[in-house]
Protein backbone atom coordinates (compact mmCIF):
# COMPACT_ATOMS: atom_id res chain seq x y z
CA MET A 1 -3.45 16.05 2.85
CA SER A 2 -0.36 16.84 0.97
CA SER A 3 1.12 13.38 0.46
CA ILE A 4 0.11 9.85 -0.43
CA LYS A 5 1.87 8.60 2.72
CA GLN A 6 -0.40 10.75 4.90
CA LEU A 7 -3.42 9.39 3.05
CA VAL A 8 -2.25 5.79 3.47
CA ALA A 9 -1.72 6.30 7.22
CA PHE A 10 -5.27 7.71 7.45
CA CYS A 11 -6.69 4.77 5.47
CA VAL A 12 -4.90 2.27 7.70
CA LEU A 13 -6.48 3.92 10.75
CA MET A 14 -9.93 3.79 9.14
CA GLU A 15 -9.83 0.06 8.35
CA ASN A 16 -9.49 -1.12 11.98
CA ASN A 17 -12.33 -2.46 14.13
CA GLY A 18 -15.07 -2.82 11.55
CA GLY A 19 -13.83 -0.23 9.12
CA ILE A 20 -14.98 3.29 8.50
CA ALA A 21 -18.66 2.41 8.96
CA ASP A 22 -18.04 2.02 12.71
CA LYS A 23 -16.23 5.35 13.10
CA ALA A 24 -17.95 8.46 14.44
CA PRO A 25 -17.59 11.57 12.27
CA SER A 26 -15.64 13.32 15.05
CA TYR A 27 -13.16 10.43 15.21
CA ILE A 28 -12.72 10.44 11.43
CA MET A 29 -12.04 14.18 11.40
CA GLU A 30 -9.64 13.94 14.35
CA LYS A 31 -7.58 11.26 12.61
CA TYR A 32 -7.80 13.02 9.26
CA ASN A 33 -6.49 16.26 10.77
CA ARG A 34 -3.80 14.47 12.73
CA CYS A 35 -2.54 12.62 9.64
CA SER A 36 -2.76 15.78 7.53
CA ASN A 37 -0.69 17.77 10.01
CA THR A 38 1.97 15.12 10.64
CA SER A 39 5.17 15.05 8.62
CA GLU A 40 5.82 11.87 6.63
CA GLY A 41 8.69 10.88 8.89
CA ASN A 42 6.47 10.98 11.97
CA LEU A 43 3.46 9.13 10.55
CA PRO A 44 4.43 5.76 12.13
CA ASN A 45 4.20 7.47 15.54
CA LEU A 46 0.44 7.81 14.99
CA LEU A 47 0.00 4.06 14.49
CA ASP A 48 0.04 1.07 16.82
CA SER A 49 2.33 -1.85 16.00
CA ASN A 50 -0.18 -3.70 13.78
CA ASN A 51 -1.01 -0.57 11.81
CA THR A 52 2.66 0.33 11.52
CA ARG A 53 3.26 -3.05 9.89
CA LYS A 54 0.45 -2.41 7.39
CA TYR A 55 1.82 1.04 6.64
CA GLU A 56 5.36 -0.30 6.18
CA GLN A 57 4.10 -3.10 3.93
CA TRP A 58 2.45 -0.51 1.73
CA LEU A 59 5.68 1.53 1.64
CA GLU A 60 7.69 -1.54 0.75
CA LEU A 61 5.39 -2.37 -2.13
CA TRP A 62 4.53 1.05 -3.52
CA ASP A 63 6.92 3.77 -2.30
CA LYS A 64 8.77 5.13 -5.33
CA SER A 65 12.01 5.39 -3.37
CA LYS A 66 12.04 1.59 -3.00
CA SER A 67 13.45 -0.81 -5.53
CA GLN A 68 11.25 -1.54 -8.58
CA THR A 69 12.58 -5.09 -8.54
CA ARG A 70 11.34 -5.65 -4.99
CA ARG A 71 7.84 -4.40 -5.90
CA LEU A 72 7.66 -6.69 -8.91
CA LYS A 73 8.75 -9.70 -6.83
CA ILE A 74 6.04 -9.03 -4.26
CA GLN A 75 3.38 -8.56 -6.92
CA LYS A 76 4.35 -11.94 -8.39
CA GLY A 77 4.13 -13.59 -4.93
CA ASP A 78 7.88 -13.99 -4.41
CA ASN A 79 8.59 -12.47 -0.99
CA GLY A 80 12.10 -13.87 -0.79
C-alpha cells in the first residue's frame, strides 16, 4: 500500500462482521490487493454506506488536508 488512506480503507473492511479473525486468508488478500490498487479518490467506491461513513469520519479527524481546529474540537468531544 502506498498511502495511509488505502490502509484505513482496508482496516475498515477488516473490522466488519466479527473482525479479521472471521476472515478467510483469500478474502483478506483480495481486499488488501483491491485497496492497494485503488486510487485514493476511488476508495469510497470499495465500501458500503456504513463503511464509507467510518472512512469519512477517519478522514475528518485525521486527514492532514482538513482543518487542525476541527480535529482538536472532535478530540475534545465538541462535534459542533
